[in-house]
Amino acid sequence: MRQIIAILAVGMVIYLIRRLQGSKPQSRVSPGGGAPPAGEKLVRDRICNTHLSPASAIRLQHDGSLHYFCSTVCRDKFLSQFPAS
């Protein structure tokens, strides 16, 4: 019985060490992926407040203004909250 507990304990330690070695801090990246080129101005999604490159954003011309979104989900949510006049 002691041997089984010892084997399980060693296995758990090995598992935890491997898991800790494999985890790296995650940086928040816009859905368009990667950092924008140096000097490029970012735009903000009004729904989720994500900042992203205009090149990777979903654009919507709405009531005379251009809006940028990170996804179709955010665009559709915007349209439901602010119907066209």
PDB file of N, CA and C in Angstrom:
ATOM      1  N   MET A   1       0.815  -1.193   0.000  1.00  0.00           N
ATOM      2  CA  MET A   1       0.000   0.000   0.000  1.00  0.00           C
ATOM      3  C   MET A   1       0.864   1.265   0.000  1.00  0.00           C
ATOM      4  N   ARG A   2       1.943   1.255   0.758  1.00  0.00           N
ATOM      5  CA  ARG A   2       2.849   2.414   0.805  1.00  0.00           C
ATOM      6  C   ARG A   2       3.474   2.650  -0.559  1.00  0.00           C
ATOM      7  N   GLN A   3       3.769   1.565  -1.266  1.00  0.00           N
ATOM      8  CA  GLN A   3       4.389   1.714  -2.582  1.00  0.00           C
ATOM      9  C   GLN A   3       3.425   2.376  -3.565  1.00  0.00           C
ATOM     10  N   ILE A   4       2.170   2.029  -3.502  1.00  0.00           N
ATOM     11  CA  ILE A   4       1.175   2.624  -4.393  1.00  0.00           C
ATOM     12  C   ILE A   4       1.048   4.116  -4.107  1.00  0.00           C
ATOM     13  N   ILE A   5       1.005   4.480  -2.857  1.00  0.00           N
ATOM     14  CA  ILE A   5       0.902   5.901  -2.479  1.00  0.00           C
ATOM     15  C   ILE A   5       2.156   6.647  -2.926  1.00  0.00           C
ATOM     16  N   ALA A   6       3.326   6.037  -2.765  1.00  0.00           N
ATOM     17  CA  ALA A   6       4.584   6.670  -3.183  1.00  0.00           C
ATOM     18  C   ALA A   6       4.606   6.861  -4.695  1.00  0.00           C
ATOM     19  N   ILE A   7       4.150   5.870  -5.442  1.00  0.00           N
ATOM     20  CA  ILE A   7       4.133   5.970  -6.903  1.00  0.00           C
ATOM     21  C   ILE A   7       3.164   7.070  -7.345  1.00  0.00           C
ATOM     22  N   LEU A   8       2.009   7.121  -6.717  1.00  0.00           N
ATOM     23  CA  LEU A   8       1.043   8.173  -7.043  1.00  0.00           C
ATOM     24  C   LEU A   8       1.589   9.563  -6.711  1.00  0.00           C
ATOM     25  N   ALA A   9       2.275   9.677  -5.588  1.00  0.00           N
ATOM     26  CA  ALA A   9       2.849  10.966  -5.189  1.00  0.00           C
ATOM     27  C   ALA A   9       3.922  11.409  -6.181  1.00  0.00           C
ATOM     28  N   VAL A  10       4.790  10.490  -6.580  1.00  0.00           N
ATOM     29  CA  VAL A  10       5.845  10.812  -7.549  1.00  0.00           C
ATOM     30  C   VAL A  10       5.215  11.200  -8.889  1.00  0.00           C
ATOM     31  N   GLY A  11       4.191  10.459  -9.297  1.00  0.00           N
ATOM     32  CA  GLY A  11       3.505  10.779 -10.546  1.00  0.00           C
ATOM     33  C   GLY A  11       2.883  12.164 -10.518  1.00  0.00           C
ATOM     34  N   MET A  12       2.296  12.526  -9.406  1.00  0.00           N
ATOM     35  CA  MET A  12       1.678  13.843  -9.264  1.00  0.00           C
ATOM     36  C   MET A  12       2.728  14.946  -9.313  1.00  0.00           C
ATOM     37  N   VAL A  13       3.850  14.729  -8.676  1.00  0.00           N
ATOM     38  CA  VAL A  13       4.935  15.716  -8.694  1.00  0.00           C
ATOM     39  C   VAL A  13       5.446  15.900 -10.124  1.00  0.00           C
ATOM     40  N   ILE A  14       5.648  14.805 -10.846  1.00  0.00           N
ATOM     41  CA  ILE A  14       6.121  14.887 -12.234  1.00  0.00           C
ATOM     42  C   ILE A  14       5.095  15.628 -13.088  1.00  0.00           C
ATOM     43  N   TYR A  15       3.825  15.317 -12.907  1.00  0.00           N
ATOM     44  CA  TYR A  15       2.763  15.982 -13.651  1.00  0.00           C
ATOM     45  C   TYR A  15       2.787  17.491 -13.393  1.00  0.00           C
ATOM     46  N   LEU A  16       2.884  17.885 -12.132  1.00  0.00           N
ATOM     47  CA  LEU A  16       2.877  19.313 -11.787  1.00  0.00           C
ATOM     48  C   LEU A  16       4.097  20.031 -12.344  1.00  0.00           C
ATOM     49  N   ILE A  17       5.258  19.387 -12.295  1.00  0.00           N
ATOM     50  CA  ILE A  17       6.479  20.003 -12.835  1.00  0.00           C
ATOM     51  C   ILE A  17       6.335  20.214 -14.337  1.00  0.00           C
ATOM     52  N   ARG A  18       5.852  19.205 -15.047  1.00  0.00           N
ATOM     53  CA  ARG A  18       5.678  19.340 -16.501  1.00  0.00           C
ATOM     54  C   ARG A  18       4.650  20.405 -16.838  1.00  0.00           C
ATOM     55  N   ARG A  19       3.609  20.469 -16.077  1.00  0.00           N
ATOM     56  CA  ARG A  19       2.579  21.465 -16.331  1.00  0.00           C
ATOM     57  C   ARG A  19       3.107  22.883 -16.101  1.00  0.00           C
ATOM     58  N   LEU A  20       3.884  23.068 -15.050  1.00  0.00           N
ATOM     59  CA  LEU A  20       4.452  24.387 -14.764  1.00  0.00           C
ATOM     60  C   LEU A  20       5.480  24.789 -15.812  1.00  0.00           C
ATOM     61  N   GLN A  21       6.260  23.843 -16.308  1.00  0.00           N
ATOM     62  CA  GLN A  21       7.256  24.153 -17.325  1.00  0.00           C
ATOM     63  C   GLN A  21       6.604  24.532 -18.646  1.00  0.00           C
ATOM     64  N   GLY A  22       5.458  23.938 -18.928  1.00  0.00           N
ATOM     65  CA  GLY A  22       4.783  24.201 -20.192  1.00  0.00           C
ATOM     66  C   GLY A  22       3.964  25.464 -20.204  1.00  0.00           C
ATOM     67  N   SER A  23       3.666  26.012 -19.033  1.00  0.00           N
ATOM     68  CA  SER A  23       2.821  27.208 -19.007  1.00  0.00           C
ATOM     69  C   SER A  23       3.675  28.453 -19.149  1.00  0.00           C
ATOM     70  N   LYS A  24       3.256  29.295 -20.074  1.00  0.00           N
ATOM     71  CA  LYS A  24       3.925  30.567 -20.297  1.00  0.00           C
ATOM     72  C   LYS A  24       2.876  31.657 -20.148  1.00  0.00           C
ATOM     73  N   PRO A  25       3.276  32.831 -19.709  1.00  0.00           N
ATOM     74  CA  PRO A  25       2.296  33.910 -19.582  1.00  0.00           C
ATOM     75  C   PRO A  25       1.674  34.225 -20.933  1.00  0.00           C
ATOM     76  N   GLN A  26       0.362  34.379 -20.954  1.00  0.00           N
ATOM     77  CA  GLN A  26      -0.353  34.681 -22.185  1.00  0.00           C
ATOM     78  C   GLN A  26      -0.519  36.189 -22.297  1.00  0.00           C
ATOM     79  N   SER A  27      -0.187  36.723 -23.458  1.00  0.00           N
ATOM     80  CA  SER A  27      -0.429  38.138 -23.677  1.00  0.00           C
ATOM     81  C   SER A  27      -1.740  38.287 -24.420  1.00  0.00           C
ATOM     82  N   ARG A  28      -2.416  39.366 -24.180  1.00  0.00           N
ATOM     83  CA  ARG A  28      -3.687  39.589 -24.854  1.00  0.00           C
ATOM     84  C   ARG A  28      -3.402  40.146 -26.237  1.00  0.00           C
ATOM     85  N   VAL A  29      -3.851  39.411 -27.237  1.00  0.00           N
ATOM     86  CA  VAL A  29      -3.627  39.805 -28.620  1.00  0.00           C
ATOM     87  C   VAL A  29      -4.986  40.001 -29.259  1.00  0.00           C
ATOM     88  N   SER A  30      -5.077  40.998 -30.088  1.00  0.00           N
ATOM     89  CA  SER A  30      -6.345  41.230 -30.761  1.00  0.00           C
ATOM     90  C   SER A  30      -6.683  40.058 -31.664  1.00  0.00           C
ATOM     91  N   PRO A  31      -7.965  39.844 -31.954  1.00  0.00           N
ATOM     92  CA  PRO A  31      -8.358  38.719 -32.784  1.00  0.00           C
ATOM     93  C   PRO A  31      -7.706  38.703 -34.155  1.00  0.00           C
ATOM     94  N   GLY A  32      -7.270  39.841 -34.645  1.00  0.00           N
ATOM     95  CA  GLY A  32      -6.586  39.881 -35.930  1.00  0.00           C
ATOM     96  C   GLY A  32      -5.239  39.205 -35.862  1.00  0.00           C
ATOM     97  N   GLY A  33      -4.716  38.999 -34.679  1.00  0.00           N
ATOM     98  CA  GLY A  33      -3.465  38.285 -34.481  1.00  0.00           C
ATOM     99  C   GLY A  33      -2.255  39.191 -34.566  1.00  0.00           C
ATOM    100  N   GLY A  34      -1.313  38.981 -33.685  1.00  0.00           N
ATOM    101  CA  GLY A  34      -0.033  39.668 -33.721  1.00  0.00           C
ATOM    102  C   GLY A  34      -0.132  41.146 -33.398  1.00  0.00           C
ATOM    103  N   ALA A  35       1.021  41.741 -33.235  1.00  0.00           N
ATOM    104  CA  ALA A  35       1.093  43.169 -32.954  1.00  0.00           C
ATOM    105  C   ALA A  35       0.998  43.943 -34.263  1.00  0.00           C
ATOM    106  N   PRO A  36       0.424  45.126 -34.218  1.00  0.00           N
ATOM    107  CA  PRO A  36       0.344  45.922 -35.443  1.00  0.00           C
ATOM    108  C   PRO A  36       1.718  46.439 -35.826  1.00  0.00           C
ATOM    109  N   PRO A  37       1.919  46.796 -37.091  1.00  0.00           N
ATOM    110  CA  PRO A  37       3.191  47.373 -37.497  1.00  0.00           C
ATOM    111  C   PRO A  37       3.477  48.641 -36.696  1.00  0.00           C
ATOM    112  N   ALA A  38       4.748  48.926 -36.509  1.00  0.00           N
ATOM    113  CA  ALA A  38       5.147  50.096 -35.720  1.00  0.00           C
ATOM    114  C   ALA A  38       4.521  51.360 -36.299  1.00  0.00           C
ATOM    115  N   GLY A  39       3.954  52.157 -35.445  1.00  0.00           N
ATOM    116  CA  GLY A  39       3.371  53.429 -35.847  1.00  0.00           C
ATOM    117  C   GLY A  39       1.936  53.338 -36.320  1.00  0.00           C
ATOM    118  N   GLU A  40       1.395  52.142 -36.466  1.00  0.00           N
ATOM    119  CA  GLU A  40       0.012  52.013 -36.914  1.00  0.00           C
ATOM    120  C   GLU A  40      -0.929  52.349 -35.755  1.00  0.00           C
ATOM    121  N   LYS A  41      -1.921  53.166 -36.036  1.00  0.00           N
ATOM    122  CA  LYS A  41      -2.889  53.554 -35.028  1.00  0.00           C
ATOM    123  C   LYS A  41      -3.936  52.454 -34.887  1.00  0.00           C
ATOM    124  N   LEU A  42      -4.280  52.112 -33.651  1.00  0.00           N
ATOM    125  CA  LEU A  42      -5.282  51.089 -33.388  1.00  0.00           C
ATOM    126  C   LEU A  42      -6.669  51.712 -33.304  1.00  0.00           C
ATOM    127  N   VAL A  43      -7.670  50.882 -33.569  1.00  0.00           N
ATOM    128  CA  VAL A  43      -9.056  51.305 -33.424  1.00  0.00           C
ATOM    129  C   VAL A  43      -9.677  50.493 -32.291  1.00  0.00           C
ATOM    130  N   ARG A  44     -10.796  50.997 -31.738  1.00  0.00           N
ATOM    131  CA  ARG A  44     -11.420  50.336 -30.592  1.00  0.00           C
ATOM    132  C   ARG A  44     -12.789  49.799 -30.970  1.00  0.00           C
ATOM    133  N   ASP A  45     -13.026  48.569 -30.584  1.00  0.00           N
ATOM    134  CA  ASP A  45     -14.352  47.967 -30.705  1.00  0.00           C
ATOM    135  C   ASP A  45     -15.192  48.545 -29.575  1.00  0.00           C
ATOM    136  N   ARG A  46     -16.288  49.224 -29.890  1.00  0.00           N
ATOM    137  CA  ARG A  46     -17.128  49.891 -28.881  1.00  0.00           C
ATOM    138  C   ARG A  46     -17.861  48.921 -27.976  1.00  0.00           C
ATOM    139  N   ILE A  47     -18.017  47.682 -28.395  1.00  0.00           N
ATOM    140  CA  ILE A  47     -18.765  46.720 -27.602  1.00  0.00           C
ATOM    141  C   ILE A  47     -17.895  46.064 -26.543  1.00  0.00           C
ATOM    142  N   CYS A  48     -16.747  45.498 -26.937  1.00  0.00           N
ATOM    143  CA  CYS A  48     -15.910  44.770 -25.964  1.00  0.00           C
ATOM    144  C   CYS A  48     -14.639  45.525 -25.588  1.00  0.00           C
ATOM    145  N   ASN A  49     -14.458  46.718 -26.149  1.00  0.00           N
ATOM    146  CA  ASN A  49     -13.293  47.571 -25.868  1.00  0.00           C
ATOM    147  C   ASN A  49     -11.962  46.969 -26.270  1.00  0.00           C
ATOM    148  N   THR A  50     -11.967  46.046 -27.215  1.00  0.00           N
ATOM    149  CA  THR A  50     -10.725  45.499 -27.748  1.00  0.00           C
ATOM    150  C   THR A  50     -10.114  46.513 -28.711  1.00  0.00           C
ATOM    151  N   HIS A  51      -8.801  46.695 -28.627  1.00  0.00           N
ATOM    152  CA  HIS A  51      -8.095  47.550 -29.578  1.00  0.00           C
ATOM    153  C   HIS A  51      -7.464  46.642 -30.624  1.00  0.00           C
ATOM    154  N   LEU A  52      -7.640  47.013 -31.894  1.00  0.00           N
ATOM    155  CA  LEU A  52      -7.122  46.184 -32.962  1.00  0.00           C
ATOM    156  C   LEU A  52      -6.737  47.026 -34.164  1.00  0.00           C
ATOM    157  N   SER A  53      -6.005  46.391 -35.053  1.00  0.00           N
ATOM    158  CA  SER A  53      -5.551  47.048 -36.268  1.00  0.00           C
ATOM    159  C   SER A  53      -6.747  47.282 -37.190  1.00  0.00           C
ATOM    160  N   PRO A  54      -6.832  48.446 -37.819  1.00  0.00           N
ATOM    161  CA  PRO A  54      -7.933  48.693 -38.749  1.00  0.00           C
ATOM    162  C   PRO A  54      -7.953  47.683 -39.902  1.00  0.00           C
ATOM    163  N   ALA A  55      -6.794  47.176 -40.267  1.00  0.00           N
ATOM    164  CA  ALA A  55      -6.718  46.218 -41.374  1.00  0.00           C
ATOM    165  C   ALA A  55      -7.404  44.897 -41.030  1.00  0.00           C
ATOM    166  N   SER A  56      -7.411  44.518 -39.764  1.00  0.00           N
ATOM    167  CA  SER A  56      -8.013  43.241 -39.374  1.00  0.00           C
ATOM    168  C   SER A  56      -9.421  43.404 -38.800  1.00  0.00           C
ATOM    169  N   ALA A  57      -9.884  44.638 -38.689  1.00  0.00           N
ATOM    170  CA  ALA A  57     -11.194  44.898 -38.074  1.00  0.00           C
ATOM    171  C   ALA A  57     -12.329  44.696 -39.069  1.00  0.00           C
ATOM    172  N   ILE A  58     -13.493  44.389 -38.539  1.00  0.00           N
ATOM    173  CA  ILE A  58     -14.727  44.354 -39.320  1.00  0.00           C
ATOM    174  C   ILE A  58     -15.287  45.763 -39.285  1.00  0.00           C
ATOM    175  N   ARG A  59     -15.525  46.326 -40.447  1.00  0.00           N
ATOM    176  CA  ARG A  59     -15.984  47.718 -40.547  1.00  0.00           C
ATOM    177  C   ARG A  59     -17.482  47.778 -40.770  1.00  0.00           C
ATOM    178  N   LEU A  60     -18.079  48.835 -40.244  1.00  0.00           N
ATOM    179  CA  LEU A  60     -19.505  49.057 -40.446  1.00  0.00           C
ATOM    180  C   LEU A  60     -19.759  50.546 -40.573  1.00  0.00           C
ATOM    181  N   GLN A  61     -20.351  50.946 -41.698  1.00  0.00           N
ATOM    182  CA  GLN A  61     -20.786  52.334 -41.878  1.00  0.00           C
ATOM    183  C   GLN A  61     -22.192  52.405 -41.308  1.00  0.00           C
ATOM    184  N   HIS A  62     -22.379  53.213 -40.252  1.00  0.00           N
ATOM    185  CA  HIS A  62     -23.656  53.252 -39.535  1.00  0.00           C
ATOM    186  C   HIS A  62     -24.007  54.691 -39.208  1.00  0.00           C
ATOM    187  N   ASP A  63     -25.129  55.153 -39.711  1.00  0.00           N
ATOM    188  CA  ASP A  63     -25.590  56.526 -39.474  1.00  0.00           C
ATOM    189  C   ASP A  63     -24.504  57.567 -39.746  1.00  0.00           C
ATOM    190  N   GLY A  64     -23.793  57.396 -40.832  1.00  0.00           N
ATOM    191  CA  GLY A  64     -22.787  58.375 -41.238  1.00  0.00           C
ATOM    192  C   GLY A  64     -21.444  58.244 -40.545  1.00  0.00           C
ATOM    193  N   SER A  65     -21.266  57.255 -39.676  1.00  0.00           N
ATOM    194  CA  SER A  65     -19.984  57.056 -38.980  1.00  0.00           C
ATOM    195  C   SER A  65     -19.442  55.667 -39.273  1.00  0.00           C
ATOM    196  N   LEU A  66     -18.124  55.571 -39.309  1.00  0.00           N
ATOM    197  CA  LEU A  66     -17.464  54.291 -39.516  1.00  0.00           C
ATOM    198  C   LEU A  66     -17.119  53.684 -38.164  1.00  0.00           C
ATOM    199  N   HIS A  67     -17.533  52.454 -37.930  1.00  0.00           N
ATOM    200  CA  HIS A  67     -17.267  51.755 -36.674  1.00  0.00           C
ATOM    201  C   HIS A  67     -16.449  50.504 -36.971  1.00  0.00           C
ATOM    202  N   TYR A  68     -15.623  50.104 -36.010  1.00  0.00           N
ATOM    203  CA  TYR A  68     -14.758  48.934 -36.140  1.00  0.00           C
ATOM    204  C   TYR A  68     -15.114  47.909 -35.070  1.00  0.00           C
ATOM    205  N   PHE A  69     -15.067  46.634 -35.453  1.00  0.00           N
ATOM    206  CA  PHE A  69     -15.403  45.549 -34.530  1.00  0.00           C
ATOM    207  C   PHE A  69     -14.400  44.416 -34.668  1.00  0.00           C
ATOM    208  N   CYS A  70     -14.201  43.699 -33.557  1.00  0.00           N
ATOM    209  CA  CYS A  70     -13.264  42.567 -33.557  1.00  0.00           C
ATOM    210  C   CYS A  70     -13.911  41.314 -34.136  1.00  0.00           C
ATOM    211  N   SER A  71     -15.248  41.248 -34.125  1.00  0.00           N
ATOM    212  CA  SER A  71     -15.942  40.051 -34.595  1.00  0.00           C
ATOM    213  C   SER A  71     -17.343  40.408 -35.075  1.00  0.00           C
ATOM    214  N   THR A  72     -17.954  39.470 -35.783  1.00  0.00           N
ATOM    215  CA  THR A  72     -19.332  39.680 -36.217  1.00  0.00           C
ATOM    216  C   THR A  72     -20.283  39.671 -35.025  1.00  0.00           C
ATOM    217  N   VAL A  73     -19.906  38.976 -33.965  1.00  0.00           N
ATOM    218  CA  VAL A  73     -20.734  38.954 -32.752  1.00  0.00           C
ATOM    219  C   VAL A  73     -20.837  40.367 -32.166  1.00  0.00           C
ATOM    220  N   CYS A  74     -19.704  41.050 -32.064  1.00  0.00           N
ATOM    221  CA  CYS A  74     -19.717  42.423 -31.529  1.00  0.00           C
ATOM    222  C   CYS A  74     -20.457  43.362 -32.477  1.00  0.00           C
ATOM    223  N   ARG A  75     -20.259  43.186 -33.791  1.00  0.00           N
ATOM    224  CA  ARG A  75     -20.973  44.026 -34.757  1.00  0.00           C
ATOM    225  C   ARG A  75     -22.484  43.854 -34.622  1.00  0.00           C
ATOM    226  N   ASP A  76     -22.924  42.592 -34.533  1.00  0.00           N
ATOM    227  CA  ASP A  76     -24.358  42.325 -34.416  1.00  0.00           C
ATOM    228  C   ASP A  76     -24.932  42.856 -33.099  1.00  0.00           C
ATOM    229  N   LYS A  77     -24.154  42.766 -32.031  1.00  0.00           N
ATOM    230  CA  LYS A  77     -24.601  43.299 -30.744  1.00  0.00           C
ATOM    231  C   LYS A  77     -24.748  44.828 -30.834  1.00  0.00           C
ATOM    232  N   PHE A  78     -23.801  45.471 -31.501  1.00  0.00           N
ATOM    233  CA  PHE A  78     -23.873  46.917 -31.702  1.00  0.00           C
ATOM    234  C   PHE A  78     -25.146  47.281 -32.474  1.00  0.00           C
ATOM    235  N   LEU A  79     -25.413  46.543 -33.555  1.00  0.00           N
ATOM    236  CA  LEU A  79     -26.594  46.823 -34.361  1.00  0.00           C
ATOM    237  C   LEU A  79     -27.893  46.633 -33.594  1.00  0.00           C
ATOM    238  N   SER A  80     -27.894  45.669 -32.659  1.00  0.00           N
ATOM    239  CA  SER A  80     -29.093  45.473 -31.853  1.00  0.00           C
ATOM    240  C   SER A  80     -29.271  46.583 -30.805  1.00  0.00           C
ATOM    241  N   GLN A  81     -28.165  47.128 -30.329  1.00  0.00           N
ATOM    242  CA  GLN A  81     -28.232  48.208 -29.329  1.00  0.00           C
ATOM    243  C   GLN A  81     -28.483  49.577 -29.955  1.00  0.00           C
ATOM    244  N   PHE A  82     -27.965  49.755 -31.176  1.00  0.00           N
ATOM    245  CA  PHE A  82     -28.067  51.047 -31.858  1.00  0.00           C
ATOM    246  C   PHE A  82     -28.648  50.842 -33.257  1.00  0.00           C
ATOM    247  N   PRO A  83     -29.949  50.639 -33.368  1.00  0.00           N
ATOM    248  CA  PRO A  83     -30.536  50.454 -34.691  1.00  0.00           C
ATOM    249  C   PRO A  83     -30.374  51.712 -35.544  1.00  0.00           C
ATOM    250  N   ALA A  84     -30.316  51.515 -36.856  1.00  0.00           N
ATOM    251  CA  ALA A  84     -30.149  52.660 -37.763  1.00  0.00           C
ATOM    252  C   ALA A  84     -31.347  53.585 -37.677  1.00  0.00           C
ATOM    253  N   SER A  85     -31.066  54.895 -37.757  1.00  0.00           N
ATOM    254  CA  SER A  85     -32.182  55.843 -37.668  1.00  0.00           C
ATOM    255  C   SER A  85     -32.718  56.160 -39.028  1.00  0.00           C
TER     256      SER A  85
END
